[in-house]
Amino acid sequence: MAENEILDVGNSKRYRRWKAALTNGELASDEVASILSKELQTLLKRSLRKQPLSIVLKACDGDKSTLPDAIESFTEKSLARRVAQAARMCNSTDPFKVGTVVADLVANELIDRANLHIGKDRYGLDSTKQAEIRRETIAKLEQSKPELTRVLCASLSGHSDIRWNTESRRRQSAVEVASLSLYAR
């Protein structure tokens, strides 16, 4: 499924932690759903770090013959196709409008694919647990849409340095750094 690379839940290389959480019967449904949301954000962050989506958006605004070349030059082709689709849907090349539509498209498609994946027999989930996970997945991905929109709009505007709003990490003090050993224990 090369066309749906970024959204392909069935791909064995993507969403590993989420699939492992599905098999873990001890995790609550909201924890399983939040893992999927975090993995989507990580995947988008990695794909947008090197190439901003503004390349595709500029091609949508200009000569239509350059659009296929812009999509082919982009690493995550499915995401580039979603940008072109969103620009056609909203009939605009405004980064905020297009980013909002792309975030909706990506989140909704991931919800659909995740729901199909949750229903597979290999996870051994009963129907009530499946329904809980589906409900929580929809809720978590809906909650993540504003953050997805912010990051997509930044990339569509041409900003290559995209950072997620994450918890601030505690800096180590000079004493802690000095006490670290460079030798293996």
N, C-alpha and C. Protein backbone atom coordinates (compact mmCIF):
# COMPACT_ATOMS: atom_id res chain seq x y z
N MET A 1 0.83 -1.18 0.00
CA MET A 1 0.00 0.00 0.00
C MET A 1 0.87 1.24 0.00
N ALA A 2 1.62 1.38 -1.03
CA ALA A 2 2.54 2.51 -1.11
C ALA A 2 1.80 3.83 -1.18
N GLU A 3 0.59 3.83 -1.72
CA GLU A 3 -0.14 5.07 -1.85
C GLU A 3 -0.53 5.64 -0.49
N ASN A 4 -0.81 4.79 0.47
CA ASN A 4 -1.27 5.24 1.78
C ASN A 4 -0.20 5.01 2.84
N GLU A 5 1.04 5.34 2.54
CA GLU A 5 2.15 5.05 3.41
C GLU A 5 1.98 5.57 4.83
N ILE A 6 1.63 6.84 4.95
CA ILE A 6 1.60 7.45 6.27
C ILE A 6 0.41 6.97 7.09
N LEU A 7 -0.61 6.46 6.43
CA LEU A 7 -1.81 6.07 7.13
C LEU A 7 -1.95 4.56 7.27
N ASP A 8 -1.04 3.80 6.73
CA ASP A 8 -1.19 2.36 6.66
C ASP A 8 -0.95 1.73 8.01
N VAL A 9 -2.03 1.46 8.73
CA VAL A 9 -1.93 0.85 10.04
C VAL A 9 -1.52 -0.61 9.91
N GLY A 10 -1.88 -1.26 8.82
CA GLY A 10 -1.57 -2.66 8.64
C GLY A 10 -0.10 -2.92 8.34
N ASN A 11 0.65 -1.90 7.99
CA ASN A 11 2.07 -2.06 7.68
C ASN A 11 2.80 -2.47 8.95
N SER A 12 3.62 -3.50 8.84
CA SER A 12 4.29 -4.03 10.03
C SER A 12 5.34 -3.08 10.59
N LYS A 13 5.80 -2.11 9.79
CA LYS A 13 6.82 -1.19 10.25
C LYS A 13 6.24 0.06 10.92
N ARG A 14 4.95 0.25 10.82
CA ARG A 14 4.33 1.45 11.37
C ARG A 14 3.41 1.09 12.54
N TYR A 15 3.33 2.00 13.48
CA TYR A 15 2.42 1.89 14.63
C TYR A 15 2.67 0.61 15.45
N ARG A 16 3.92 0.29 15.68
CA ARG A 16 4.28 -0.92 16.42
C ARG A 16 3.82 -0.85 17.88
N ARG A 17 4.03 0.30 18.51
CA ARG A 17 3.65 0.42 19.92
C ARG A 17 2.14 0.30 20.09
N TRP A 18 1.38 0.85 19.13
CA TRP A 18 -0.07 0.77 19.21
C TRP A 18 -0.54 -0.68 19.05
N LYS A 19 0.06 -1.41 18.12
CA LYS A 19 -0.31 -2.81 17.92
C LYS A 19 0.06 -3.64 19.15
N ALA A 20 1.19 -3.33 19.77
CA ALA A 20 1.57 -4.03 21.00
C ALA A 20 0.60 -3.70 22.13
N ALA A 21 0.12 -2.47 22.16
CA ALA A 21 -0.85 -2.08 23.19
C ALA A 21 -2.19 -2.79 22.98
N LEU A 22 -2.54 -3.06 21.73
CA LEU A 22 -3.78 -3.79 21.46
C LEU A 22 -3.73 -5.20 22.03
N THR A 23 -2.57 -5.82 21.96
CA THR A 23 -2.45 -7.19 22.47
C THR A 23 -2.33 -7.23 23.98
N ASN A 24 -1.96 -6.11 24.59
CA ASN A 24 -1.83 -6.03 26.04
C ASN A 24 -3.21 -5.79 26.64
N GLY A 25 -3.76 -6.78 27.27
CA GLY A 25 -5.10 -6.67 27.84
C GLY A 25 -5.17 -5.83 29.09
N GLU A 26 -4.03 -5.48 29.66
CA GLU A 26 -4.01 -4.72 30.91
C GLU A 26 -4.16 -3.22 30.71
N LEU A 27 -3.90 -2.72 29.50
CA LEU A 27 -4.00 -1.29 29.26
C LEU A 27 -5.45 -0.87 29.07
N ALA A 28 -5.76 0.32 29.56
CA ALA A 28 -7.10 0.87 29.38
C ALA A 28 -7.27 1.34 27.94
N SER A 29 -8.51 1.47 27.53
CA SER A 29 -8.81 1.85 26.15
C SER A 29 -8.27 3.24 25.80
N ASP A 30 -8.34 4.17 26.75
CA ASP A 30 -7.84 5.51 26.46
C ASP A 30 -6.32 5.53 26.32
N GLU A 31 -5.62 4.65 27.03
CA GLU A 31 -4.16 4.56 26.89
C GLU A 31 -3.78 4.01 25.51
N VAL A 32 -4.53 3.02 25.04
CA VAL A 32 -4.28 2.45 23.71
C VAL A 32 -4.52 3.51 22.65
N ALA A 33 -5.58 4.28 22.79
CA ALA A 33 -5.89 5.33 21.82
C ALA A 33 -4.87 6.45 21.85
N SER A 34 -4.39 6.81 23.02
CA SER A 34 -3.40 7.89 23.10
C SER A 34 -2.06 7.46 22.49
N ILE A 35 -1.75 6.16 22.55
CA ILE A 35 -0.53 5.67 21.91
C ILE A 35 -0.62 5.84 20.41
N LEU A 36 -1.79 5.55 19.83
CA LEU A 36 -1.98 5.73 18.38
C LEU A 36 -1.84 7.20 18.00
N SER A 37 -2.42 8.08 18.78
CA SER A 37 -2.34 9.51 18.50
C SER A 37 -0.89 10.00 18.57
N LYS A 38 -0.15 9.56 19.56
CA LYS A 38 1.25 9.96 19.69
C LYS A 38 2.09 9.43 18.54
N GLU A 39 1.81 8.21 18.10
CA GLU A 39 2.58 7.65 16.99
C GLU A 39 2.28 8.38 15.69
N LEU A 40 1.03 8.81 15.50
CA LEU A 40 0.71 9.61 14.31
C LEU A 40 1.48 10.92 14.34
N GLN A 41 1.51 11.58 15.47
CA GLN A 41 2.23 12.84 15.58
C GLN A 41 3.72 12.65 15.34
N THR A 42 4.28 11.58 15.87
CA THR A 42 5.71 11.30 15.65
C THR A 42 5.99 11.04 14.19
N LEU A 43 5.12 10.31 13.54
CA LEU A 43 5.28 9.99 12.12
C LEU A 43 5.22 11.25 11.27
N LEU A 44 4.26 12.12 11.57
CA LEU A 44 4.17 13.39 10.83
C LEU A 44 5.39 14.27 11.09
N LYS A 45 5.83 14.31 12.32
CA LYS A 45 7.00 15.13 12.66
C LYS A 45 8.22 14.69 11.88
N ARG A 46 8.42 13.38 11.82
CA ARG A 46 9.58 12.88 11.08
C ARG A 46 9.49 13.18 9.59
N SER A 47 8.31 13.03 9.03
CA SER A 47 8.18 13.22 7.58
C SER A 47 8.25 14.69 7.19
N LEU A 48 7.87 15.59 8.08
CA LEU A 48 7.87 17.02 7.75
C LEU A 48 9.15 17.73 8.17
N ARG A 49 10.02 17.04 8.87
CA ARG A 49 11.24 17.67 9.36
C ARG A 49 12.17 18.09 8.22
N LYS A 50 12.29 17.26 7.20
CA LYS A 50 13.24 17.53 6.13
C LYS A 50 12.64 18.30 4.96
N GLN A 51 11.37 18.06 4.68
CA GLN A 51 10.73 18.69 3.54
C GLN A 51 9.44 19.37 3.97
N PRO A 52 9.34 20.68 3.82
CA PRO A 52 8.06 21.33 4.15
C PRO A 52 7.04 21.09 3.04
N LEU A 53 5.79 21.05 3.42
CA LEU A 53 4.71 20.83 2.46
C LEU A 53 4.45 22.04 1.57
N SER A 54 5.13 23.14 1.83
CA SER A 54 4.93 24.34 1.02
C SER A 54 5.31 24.10 -0.43
N ILE A 55 6.20 23.14 -0.68
CA ILE A 55 6.60 22.80 -2.05
C ILE A 55 5.38 22.34 -2.84
N VAL A 56 4.59 21.48 -2.22
CA VAL A 56 3.40 20.95 -2.89
C VAL A 56 2.33 22.03 -3.01
N LEU A 57 2.19 22.84 -1.96
CA LEU A 57 1.16 23.89 -1.98
C LEU A 57 1.47 24.93 -3.05
N LYS A 58 2.73 25.28 -3.24
CA LYS A 58 3.10 26.23 -4.29
C LYS A 58 2.82 25.64 -5.66
N ALA A 59 3.02 24.34 -5.82
CA ALA A 59 2.73 23.68 -7.09
C ALA A 59 1.23 23.65 -7.37
N CYS A 60 0.43 23.59 -6.31
CA CYS A 60 -1.03 23.62 -6.49
C CYS A 60 -1.49 24.99 -6.98
N ASP A 61 -0.78 26.03 -6.56
CA ASP A 61 -1.15 27.40 -6.93
C ASP A 61 -0.66 27.76 -8.32
N GLY A 62 0.43 27.17 -8.74
CA GLY A 62 1.04 27.53 -10.02
C GLY A 62 0.55 26.66 -11.16
N ASP A 63 1.46 26.38 -12.05
CA ASP A 63 1.18 25.57 -13.24
C ASP A 63 0.82 24.14 -12.80
N LYS A 64 -0.29 23.62 -13.29
CA LYS A 64 -0.76 22.29 -12.89
C LYS A 64 0.16 21.17 -13.35
N SER A 65 1.00 21.43 -14.32
CA SER A 65 1.92 20.38 -14.79
C SER A 65 3.07 20.15 -13.81
N THR A 66 3.31 21.10 -12.92
CA THR A 66 4.39 20.93 -11.94
C THR A 66 3.94 20.16 -10.70
N LEU A 67 2.63 20.01 -10.52
CA LEU A 67 2.11 19.33 -9.33
C LEU A 67 2.55 17.86 -9.24
N PRO A 68 2.44 17.06 -10.31
CA PRO A 68 2.92 15.67 -10.20
C PRO A 68 4.41 15.57 -9.85
N ASP A 69 5.20 16.48 -10.38
CA ASP A 69 6.63 16.47 -10.06
C ASP A 69 6.88 16.81 -8.59
N ALA A 70 6.10 17.76 -8.06
CA ALA A 70 6.25 18.13 -6.65
C ALA A 70 5.83 16.98 -5.75
N ILE A 71 4.78 16.28 -6.12
CA ILE A 71 4.34 15.14 -5.32
C ILE A 71 5.37 14.02 -5.36
N GLU A 72 5.93 13.76 -6.53
CA GLU A 72 6.92 12.70 -6.67
C GLU A 72 8.22 13.03 -5.94
N SER A 73 8.55 14.29 -5.83
CA SER A 73 9.79 14.66 -5.14
C SER A 73 9.64 14.61 -3.62
N PHE A 74 8.41 14.59 -3.14
CA PHE A 74 8.17 14.56 -1.70
C PHE A 74 8.32 13.14 -1.18
N THR A 75 8.92 12.99 -0.01
CA THR A 75 9.18 11.66 0.54
C THR A 75 7.88 10.92 0.86
N GLU A 76 6.99 11.55 1.59
CA GLU A 76 5.70 10.95 1.93
C GLU A 76 4.68 11.35 0.87
N LYS A 77 4.61 10.57 -0.17
CA LYS A 77 3.76 10.91 -1.31
C LYS A 77 2.27 10.95 -0.95
N SER A 78 1.84 10.09 -0.05
CA SER A 78 0.43 10.09 0.33
C SER A 78 0.05 11.40 1.02
N LEU A 79 0.94 11.93 1.82
CA LEU A 79 0.68 13.20 2.49
C LEU A 79 0.66 14.34 1.47
N ALA A 80 1.55 14.29 0.49
CA ALA A 80 1.58 15.30 -0.56
C ALA A 80 0.29 15.24 -1.39
N ARG A 81 -0.20 14.02 -1.63
CA ARG A 81 -1.47 13.89 -2.36
C ARG A 81 -2.63 14.46 -1.55
N ARG A 82 -2.58 14.29 -0.23
CA ARG A 82 -3.63 14.86 0.62
C ARG A 82 -3.62 16.38 0.57
N VAL A 83 -2.44 16.97 0.46
CA VAL A 83 -2.35 18.43 0.35
C VAL A 83 -2.99 18.89 -0.96
N ALA A 84 -2.68 18.21 -2.06
CA ALA A 84 -3.27 18.57 -3.34
C ALA A 84 -4.78 18.38 -3.31
N GLN A 85 -5.23 17.31 -2.69
CA GLN A 85 -6.66 17.05 -2.58
C GLN A 85 -7.34 18.13 -1.73
N ALA A 86 -6.70 18.51 -0.63
CA ALA A 86 -7.27 19.53 0.25
C ALA A 86 -7.32 20.89 -0.44
N ALA A 87 -6.30 21.21 -1.22
CA ALA A 87 -6.30 22.49 -1.95
C ALA A 87 -7.44 22.53 -2.96
N ARG A 88 -7.72 21.39 -3.59
CA ARG A 88 -8.87 21.33 -4.52
C ARG A 88 -10.18 21.42 -3.76
N MET A 89 -10.27 20.77 -2.60
CA MET A 89 -11.51 20.74 -1.83
C MET A 89 -11.91 22.13 -1.32
N CYS A 90 -10.93 22.87 -0.80
CA CYS A 90 -11.25 24.19 -0.26
C CYS A 90 -11.04 25.30 -1.28
N ASN A 91 -10.58 24.93 -2.47
CA ASN A 91 -10.39 25.88 -3.57
C ASN A 91 -9.56 27.08 -3.12
N SER A 92 -8.48 26.78 -2.41
CA SER A 92 -7.61 27.83 -1.88
C SER A 92 -6.21 27.27 -1.68
N THR A 93 -5.26 28.17 -1.61
CA THR A 93 -3.89 27.77 -1.25
C THR A 93 -3.46 28.46 0.04
N ASP A 94 -4.42 28.91 0.82
CA ASP A 94 -4.14 29.49 2.13
C ASP A 94 -3.67 28.36 3.05
N PRO A 95 -2.47 28.48 3.65
CA PRO A 95 -1.95 27.39 4.48
C PRO A 95 -2.87 26.97 5.61
N PHE A 96 -3.57 27.92 6.23
CA PHE A 96 -4.45 27.55 7.35
C PHE A 96 -5.64 26.74 6.87
N LYS A 97 -6.27 27.17 5.78
CA LYS A 97 -7.43 26.44 5.26
C LYS A 97 -7.03 25.04 4.80
N VAL A 98 -5.94 24.97 4.05
CA VAL A 98 -5.49 23.68 3.54
C VAL A 98 -5.02 22.78 4.68
N GLY A 99 -4.32 23.35 5.66
CA GLY A 99 -3.85 22.57 6.80
C GLY A 99 -4.98 21.98 7.62
N THR A 100 -6.06 22.75 7.78
CA THR A 100 -7.22 22.26 8.52
C THR A 100 -7.86 21.08 7.79
N VAL A 101 -7.99 21.19 6.48
CA VAL A 101 -8.60 20.11 5.70
C VAL A 101 -7.69 18.88 5.69
N VAL A 102 -6.39 19.08 5.57
CA VAL A 102 -5.45 17.95 5.57
C VAL A 102 -5.49 17.24 6.92
N ALA A 103 -5.53 17.98 8.01
CA ALA A 103 -5.60 17.37 9.34
C ALA A 103 -6.87 16.54 9.47
N ASP A 104 -7.99 17.05 8.97
CA ASP A 104 -9.23 16.29 9.00
C ASP A 104 -9.13 15.02 8.16
N LEU A 105 -8.57 15.15 6.96
CA LEU A 105 -8.43 13.99 6.08
C LEU A 105 -7.55 12.91 6.71
N VAL A 106 -6.41 13.32 7.24
CA VAL A 106 -5.47 12.36 7.82
C VAL A 106 -6.08 11.69 9.05
N ALA A 107 -6.66 12.47 9.94
CA ALA A 107 -7.24 11.91 11.17
C ALA A 107 -8.42 11.00 10.85
N ASN A 108 -9.29 11.41 9.95
CA ASN A 108 -10.45 10.58 9.62
C ASN A 108 -10.05 9.29 8.92
N GLU A 109 -9.07 9.35 8.05
CA GLU A 109 -8.63 8.14 7.39
C GLU A 109 -7.94 7.19 8.37
N LEU A 110 -7.18 7.75 9.31
CA LEU A 110 -6.55 6.91 10.31
C LEU A 110 -7.59 6.28 11.23
N ILE A 111 -8.64 7.01 11.55
CA ILE A 111 -9.73 6.44 12.36
C ILE A 111 -10.36 5.26 11.63
N ASP A 112 -10.63 5.41 10.35
CA ASP A 112 -11.23 4.32 9.58
C ASP A 112 -10.31 3.10 9.53
N ARG A 113 -9.03 3.33 9.25
CA ARG A 113 -8.09 2.22 9.16
C ARG A 113 -7.88 1.55 10.52
N ALA A 114 -7.84 2.35 11.57
CA ALA A 114 -7.66 1.79 12.91
C ALA A 114 -8.87 0.95 13.30
N ASN A 115 -10.06 1.43 12.97
CA ASN A 115 -11.27 0.66 13.29
C ASN A 115 -11.29 -0.68 12.57
N LEU A 116 -10.85 -0.70 11.34
CA LEU A 116 -10.75 -1.96 10.61
C LEU A 116 -9.72 -2.88 11.26
N HIS A 117 -8.61 -2.30 11.68
CA HIS A 117 -7.52 -3.08 12.26
C HIS A 117 -7.90 -3.62 13.63
N ILE A 118 -8.65 -2.87 14.40
CA ILE A 118 -9.05 -3.29 15.75
C ILE A 118 -9.94 -4.54 15.67
N GLY A 119 -10.74 -4.64 14.64
CA GLY A 119 -11.67 -5.76 14.50
C GLY A 119 -11.03 -7.08 14.11
N LYS A 120 -9.75 -7.10 13.84
CA LYS A 120 -9.10 -8.35 13.44
C LYS A 120 -9.03 -9.32 14.61
N ASP A 121 -9.13 -10.60 14.28
CA ASP A 121 -9.18 -11.64 15.31
C ASP A 121 -7.86 -11.84 16.04
N ARG A 122 -6.76 -11.43 15.46
CA ARG A 122 -5.46 -11.75 16.06
C ARG A 122 -5.21 -11.06 17.39
N TYR A 123 -6.00 -10.04 17.72
CA TYR A 123 -5.80 -9.34 18.99
C TYR A 123 -6.63 -9.94 20.12
N GLY A 124 -7.58 -10.77 19.81
CA GLY A 124 -8.38 -11.44 20.82
C GLY A 124 -9.21 -10.50 21.67
N LEU A 125 -9.70 -9.42 21.08
CA LEU A 125 -10.51 -8.46 21.82
C LEU A 125 -11.98 -8.83 21.70
N ASP A 126 -12.69 -8.76 22.82
CA ASP A 126 -14.13 -8.99 22.74
C ASP A 126 -14.81 -7.75 22.18
N SER A 127 -16.08 -7.88 21.85
CA SER A 127 -16.77 -6.79 21.16
C SER A 127 -16.91 -5.53 22.02
N THR A 128 -17.06 -5.68 23.34
CA THR A 128 -17.17 -4.49 24.18
C THR A 128 -15.84 -3.75 24.26
N LYS A 129 -14.73 -4.49 24.35
CA LYS A 129 -13.40 -3.86 24.39
C LYS A 129 -13.10 -3.18 23.05
N GLN A 130 -13.49 -3.82 21.94
CA GLN A 130 -13.31 -3.21 20.63
C GLN A 130 -14.08 -1.90 20.53
N ALA A 131 -15.31 -1.90 21.01
CA ALA A 131 -16.14 -0.69 20.96
C ALA A 131 -15.53 0.43 21.81
N GLU A 132 -14.99 0.06 22.99
CA GLU A 132 -14.36 1.06 23.85
C GLU A 132 -13.13 1.66 23.17
N ILE A 133 -12.30 0.80 22.58
CA ILE A 133 -11.09 1.28 21.92
C ILE A 133 -11.45 2.15 20.73
N ARG A 134 -12.46 1.75 19.96
CA ARG A 134 -12.89 2.57 18.83
C ARG A 134 -13.36 3.95 19.28
N ARG A 135 -14.17 3.98 20.33
CA ARG A 135 -14.71 5.24 20.85
C ARG A 135 -13.58 6.14 21.34
N GLU A 136 -12.63 5.57 22.08
CA GLU A 136 -11.50 6.34 22.60
C GLU A 136 -10.57 6.79 21.48
N THR A 137 -10.40 5.96 20.46
CA THR A 137 -9.55 6.32 19.32
C THR A 137 -10.12 7.53 18.61
N ILE A 138 -11.41 7.52 18.38
CA ILE A 138 -12.06 8.67 17.73
C ILE A 138 -11.88 9.92 18.58
N ALA A 139 -12.09 9.79 19.89
CA ALA A 139 -11.97 10.95 20.78
C ALA A 139 -10.54 11.50 20.80
N LYS A 140 -9.54 10.63 20.91
CA LYS A 140 -8.14 11.08 20.98
C LYS A 140 -7.69 11.72 19.67
N LEU A 141 -8.08 11.12 18.55
CA LEU A 141 -7.67 11.70 17.28
C LEU A 141 -8.40 13.01 17.00
N GLU A 142 -9.63 13.14 17.45
CA GLU A 142 -10.33 14.42 17.34
C GLU A 142 -9.65 15.48 18.19
N GLN A 143 -9.17 15.09 19.38
CA GLN A 143 -8.46 16.03 20.25
C GLN A 143 -7.11 16.44 19.66
N SER A 144 -6.51 15.57 18.88
CA SER A 144 -5.19 15.88 18.31
C SER A 144 -5.28 16.72 17.04
N LYS A 145 -6.46 16.93 16.50
CA LYS A 145 -6.59 17.70 15.26
C LYS A 145 -6.05 19.12 15.35
N PRO A 146 -6.28 19.87 16.44
CA PRO A 146 -5.69 21.22 16.49
C PRO A 146 -4.17 21.22 16.43
N GLU A 147 -3.53 20.27 17.10
CA GLU A 147 -2.07 20.18 17.06
C GLU A 147 -1.60 19.75 15.67
N LEU A 148 -2.31 18.81 15.06
CA LEU A 148 -1.98 18.40 13.70
C LEU A 148 -2.11 19.58 12.74
N THR A 149 -3.18 20.34 12.92
CA THR A 149 -3.41 21.51 12.07
C THR A 149 -2.29 22.52 12.23
N ARG A 150 -1.86 22.76 13.47
CA ARG A 150 -0.78 23.72 13.72
C ARG A 150 0.50 23.30 13.01
N VAL A 151 0.85 22.04 13.13
CA VAL A 151 2.09 21.55 12.53
C VAL A 151 1.97 21.55 11.01
N LEU A 152 0.84 21.12 10.48
CA LEU A 152 0.66 21.11 9.04
C LEU A 152 0.67 22.53 8.47
N CYS A 153 0.04 23.47 9.17
CA CYS A 153 0.04 24.87 8.71
C CYS A 153 1.46 25.44 8.72
N ALA A 154 2.24 25.09 9.72
CA ALA A 154 3.62 25.56 9.76
C ALA A 154 4.41 25.00 8.58
N SER A 155 4.19 23.74 8.28
CA SER A 155 4.89 23.13 7.15
C SER A 155 4.40 23.70 5.82
N LEU A 156 3.11 23.96 5.72
CA LEU A 156 2.55 24.54 4.49
C LEU A 156 3.01 25.98 4.30
N SER A 157 3.36 26.65 5.39
CA SER A 157 3.87 28.02 5.30
C SER A 157 5.35 28.06 4.96
N GLY A 158 6.01 26.91 5.01
CA GLY A 158 7.41 26.85 4.64
C GLY A 158 8.37 26.74 5.80
N HIS A 159 7.87 26.60 7.01
CA HIS A 159 8.74 26.45 8.18
C HIS A 159 9.22 25.02 8.26
N SER A 160 10.52 24.84 8.21
CA SER A 160 11.06 23.48 8.25
C SER A 160 11.33 23.02 9.67
N ASP A 161 11.44 23.94 10.61
CA ASP A 161 11.72 23.57 12.00
C ASP A 161 10.38 23.42 12.73
N ILE A 162 9.87 22.22 12.74
CA ILE A 162 8.58 21.95 13.35
C ILE A 162 8.79 21.23 14.66
N ARG A 163 8.22 21.78 15.71
CA ARG A 163 8.33 21.15 17.02
C ARG A 163 6.93 20.93 17.57
N TRP A 164 6.81 19.84 18.28
CA TRP A 164 5.54 19.52 18.93
C TRP A 164 5.52 20.14 20.30
N ASN A 165 4.32 20.46 20.77
CA ASN A 165 4.18 20.91 22.15
C ASN A 165 4.32 19.68 23.04
N THR A 166 5.46 19.56 23.66
CA THR A 166 5.71 18.42 24.54
C THR A 166 6.03 18.92 25.93
N GLU A 167 6.03 17.98 26.85
CA GLU A 167 6.38 18.35 28.21
C GLU A 167 7.84 18.81 28.23
N SER A 168 8.10 19.83 29.00
CA SER A 168 9.48 20.31 29.06
C SER A 168 10.33 19.30 29.84
N ARG A 169 11.47 19.05 29.33
CA ARG A 169 12.36 18.09 29.97
C ARG A 169 13.23 18.81 30.99
N ARG A 170 13.47 18.14 32.10
CA ARG A 170 14.28 18.71 33.16
C ARG A 170 15.74 18.67 32.74
N ARG A 171 16.37 19.80 32.83
CA ARG A 171 17.80 19.86 32.52
C ARG A 171 18.59 19.32 33.69
N GLN A 172 19.65 18.63 33.37
CA GLN A 172 20.51 18.11 34.43
C GLN A 172 21.39 19.24 34.95
N SER A 173 21.65 19.17 36.23
CA SER A 173 22.52 20.17 36.82
C SER A 173 23.97 19.84 36.46
N ALA A 174 24.84 20.80 36.69
CA ALA A 174 26.25 20.60 36.39
C ALA A 174 26.84 19.47 37.22
N VAL A 175 26.39 19.33 38.45
CA VAL A 175 26.89 18.26 39.33
C VAL A 175 26.47 16.90 38.78
N GLU A 176 25.22 16.80 38.29
CA GLU A 176 24.75 15.54 37.72
C GLU A 176 25.51 15.17 36.46
N VAL A 177 25.79 16.16 35.63
CA VAL A 177 26.53 15.89 34.40
C VAL A 177 27.95 15.49 34.74
N ALA A 178 28.56 16.16 35.70
CA ALA A 178 29.95 15.86 36.07
C ALA A 178 30.08 14.48 36.72
N SER A 179 29.01 14.01 37.34
CA SER A 179 29.10 12.72 38.02
C SER A 179 28.88 11.54 37.08
N LEU A 180 28.52 11.80 35.84
CA LEU A 180 28.33 10.72 34.88
C LEU A 180 29.68 10.13 34.51
N SER A 181 29.72 8.83 34.47
CA SER A 181 30.95 8.14 34.10
C SER A 181 30.95 7.84 32.63
N LEU A 182 32.08 7.99 32.00
CA LEU A 182 32.21 7.66 30.59
C LEU A 182 32.59 6.21 30.38
N TYR A 183 32.88 5.52 31.46
CA TYR A 183 33.27 4.11 31.38
C TYR A 183 32.04 3.23 31.61
N ALA A 184 32.02 2.12 30.93
CA ALA A 184 30.92 1.15 31.11
C ALA A 184 31.01 0.55 32.48
N ARG A 185 29.88 0.34 33.08
CA ARG A 185 29.85 -0.23 34.43
C ARG A 185 29.81 -1.72 34.39
